[in-house]
Amino acid sequence: MKRIFWLIIGIAVGVYAVTRLKKRAQILAPEGMQESAAKLAAAVRHFGDQVREGMAERETELRDALGIENTNDREDYR
């Protein structure tokens, strides 16, 4: 009975290890790396857009609070 139990445990661990290795191999394949890089680039781009939007909003709040008129000669963050 103990041998059958350990055999089943060994098979389960083996199947788990093989599936994890296959997933890792897919991630490290050129297509997987390209997909990961594209996701990272999109996330960085989105973060940059959010920061610029927040900066513009905060600048408007500060200009309103200080009573400074918006001028057309200032640099636009977008």
C-alpha atoms as a PDB file:
ATOM      1  CA  MET A   1       0.000   0.000   0.000  1.00  0.00           C
ATOM      2  CA  LYS A   2       2.850   2.405   0.840  1.00  0.00           C
ATOM      3  CA  ARG A   3       4.534   1.735  -2.487  1.00  0.00           C
ATOM      4  CA  ILE A   4       1.374   2.531  -4.432  1.00  0.00           C
ATOM      5  CA  PHE A   5       0.943   5.748  -2.428  1.00  0.00           C
ATOM      6  CA  TRP A   6       4.509   6.881  -3.167  1.00  0.00           C
ATOM      7  CA  LEU A   7       4.150   5.848  -6.798  1.00  0.00           C
ATOM      8  CA  ILE A   8       1.072   8.071  -7.137  1.00  0.00           C
ATOM      9  CA  ILE A   9       2.856  10.941  -5.362  1.00  0.00           C
ATOM     10  CA  GLY A  10       5.846  10.530  -7.696  1.00  0.00           C
ATOM     11  CA  ILE A  11       3.647  10.532 -10.791  1.00  0.00           C
ATOM     12  CA  ALA A  12       1.809  13.651  -9.597  1.00  0.00           C
ATOM     13  CA  VAL A  13       5.063  15.491  -8.888  1.00  0.00           C
ATOM     14  CA  GLY A  14       6.438  14.419 -12.277  1.00  0.00           C
ATOM     15  CA  VAL A  15       3.371  15.650 -14.142  1.00  0.00           C
ATOM     16  CA  TYR A  16       3.470  18.938 -12.229  1.00  0.00           C
ATOM     17  CA  ALA A  17       7.170  19.420 -12.998  1.00  0.00           C
ATOM     18  CA  VAL A  18       6.725  18.661 -16.697  1.00  0.00           C
ATOM     19  CA  THR A  19       3.826  21.101 -17.076  1.00  0.00           C
ATOM     20  CA  ARG A  20       5.781  23.836 -15.247  1.00  0.00           C
ATOM     21  CA  LEU A  21       8.805  23.243 -17.469  1.00  0.00           C
ATOM     22  CA  LYS A  22       6.674  23.395 -20.626  1.00  0.00           C
ATOM     23  CA  LYS A  23       5.165  26.708 -19.532  1.00  0.00           C
ATOM     24  CA  ARG A  24       8.630  28.077 -18.727  1.00  0.00           C
ATOM     25  CA  ALA A  25       9.927  26.938 -22.122  1.00  0.00           C
ATOM     26  CA  GLN A  26       7.048  28.717 -23.864  1.00  0.00           C
ATOM     27  CA  ILE A  27       7.757  31.911 -21.951  1.00  0.00           C
ATOM     28  CA  LEU A  28      11.457  31.775 -22.801  1.00  0.00           C
ATOM     29  CA  ALA A  29      10.824  31.033 -26.471  1.00  0.00           C
ATOM     30  CA  PRO A  30      11.350  33.993 -28.844  1.00  0.00           C
ATOM     31  CA  GLU A  31       7.598  34.423 -29.365  1.00  0.00           C
ATOM     32  CA  GLY A  32       6.989  34.451 -25.620  1.00  0.00           C
ATOM     33  CA  MET A  33       9.768  36.973 -25.020  1.00  0.00           C
ATOM     34  CA  GLN A  34       8.410  39.222 -27.763  1.00  0.00           C
ATOM     35  CA  GLU A  35       4.928  39.058 -26.244  1.00  0.00           C
ATOM     36  CA  SER A  36       6.307  39.858 -22.790  1.00  0.00           C
ATOM     37  CA  ALA A  37       8.269  42.810 -24.167  1.00  0.00           C
ATOM     38  CA  ALA A  38       5.181  44.119 -25.946  1.00  0.00           C
ATOM     39  CA  LYS A  39       3.142  43.887 -22.732  1.00  0.00           C
ATOM     40  CA  LEU A  40       5.859  45.705 -20.814  1.00  0.00           C
ATOM     41  CA  ALA A  41       6.081  48.448 -23.439  1.00  0.00           C
ATOM     42  CA  ALA A  42       2.306  48.928 -23.377  1.00  0.00           C
ATOM     43  CA  ALA A  43       2.324  49.147 -19.572  1.00  0.00           C
ATOM     44  CA  VAL A  44       5.132  51.722 -19.591  1.00  0.00           C
ATOM     45  CA  ARG A  45       3.344  53.742 -22.281  1.00  0.00           C
ATOM     46  CA  HIS A  46       0.103  53.679 -20.281  1.00  0.00           C
ATOM     47  CA  PHE A  47       1.947  54.738 -17.119  1.00  0.00           C
ATOM     48  CA  GLY A  48       3.561  57.649 -18.982  1.00  0.00           C
ATOM     49  CA  ASP A  49       0.194  58.767 -20.311  1.00  0.00           C
ATOM     50  CA  GLN A  50      -1.282  58.681 -16.802  1.00  0.00           C
ATOM     51  CA  VAL A  51       1.628  60.704 -15.406  1.00  0.00           C
ATOM     52  CA  ARG A  52       1.326  63.352 -18.131  1.00  0.00           C
ATOM     53  CA  GLU A  53      -2.419  63.575 -17.578  1.00  0.00           C
ATOM     54  CA  GLY A  54      -1.910  64.000 -13.834  1.00  0.00           C
ATOM     55  CA  MET A  55       0.754  66.644 -14.402  1.00  0.00           C
ATOM     56  CA  ALA A  56      -1.557  68.633 -16.674  1.00  0.00           C
ATOM     57  CA  GLU A  57      -4.403  68.438 -14.156  1.00  0.00           C
ATOM     58  CA  ARG A  58      -2.159  69.498 -11.281  1.00  0.00           C
ATOM     59  CA  GLU A  59      -0.708  72.373 -13.299  1.00  0.00           C
ATOM     60  CA  THR A  60      -4.209  73.611 -14.050  1.00  0.00           C
ATOM     61  CA  GLU A  61      -5.099  73.404 -10.345  1.00  0.00           C
ATOM     62  CA  LEU A  62      -1.974  75.339  -9.384  1.00  0.00           C
ATOM     63  CA  ARG A  63      -2.522  78.008 -12.047  1.00  0.00           C
ATOM     64  CA  ASP A  64      -6.114  78.451 -10.858  1.00  0.00           C
ATOM     65  CA  ALA A  65      -5.016  78.637  -7.210  1.00  0.00           C
ATOM     66  CA  LEU A  66      -2.304  81.212  -7.982  1.00  0.00           C
ATOM     67  CA  GLY A  67      -4.466  83.216 -10.380  1.00  0.00           C
ATOM     68  CA  ILE A  68      -2.118  82.740 -13.314  1.00  0.00           C
ATOM     69  CA  GLU A  69      -3.704  82.847 -16.738  1.00  0.00           C
ATOM     70  CA  ASN A  70      -3.095  79.949 -19.071  1.00  0.00           C
ATOM     71  CA  THR A  71      -0.812  81.099 -21.844  1.00  0.00           C
ATOM     72  CA  ASN A  72      -0.405  79.552 -25.266  1.00  0.00           C
ATOM     73  CA  ASP A  73       3.389  79.885 -25.191  1.00  0.00           C
ATOM     74  CA  ARG A  74       3.851  77.218 -22.521  1.00  0.00           C
ATOM     75  CA  GLU A  75       4.943  73.717 -23.446  1.00  0.00           C
ATOM     76  CA  ASP A  76       2.246  71.084 -23.728  1.00  0.00           C
ATOM     77  CA  TYR A  77       3.128  67.789 -21.997  1.00  0.00           C
ATOM     78  CA  ARG A  78       1.464  65.559 -24.583  1.00  0.00           C
END
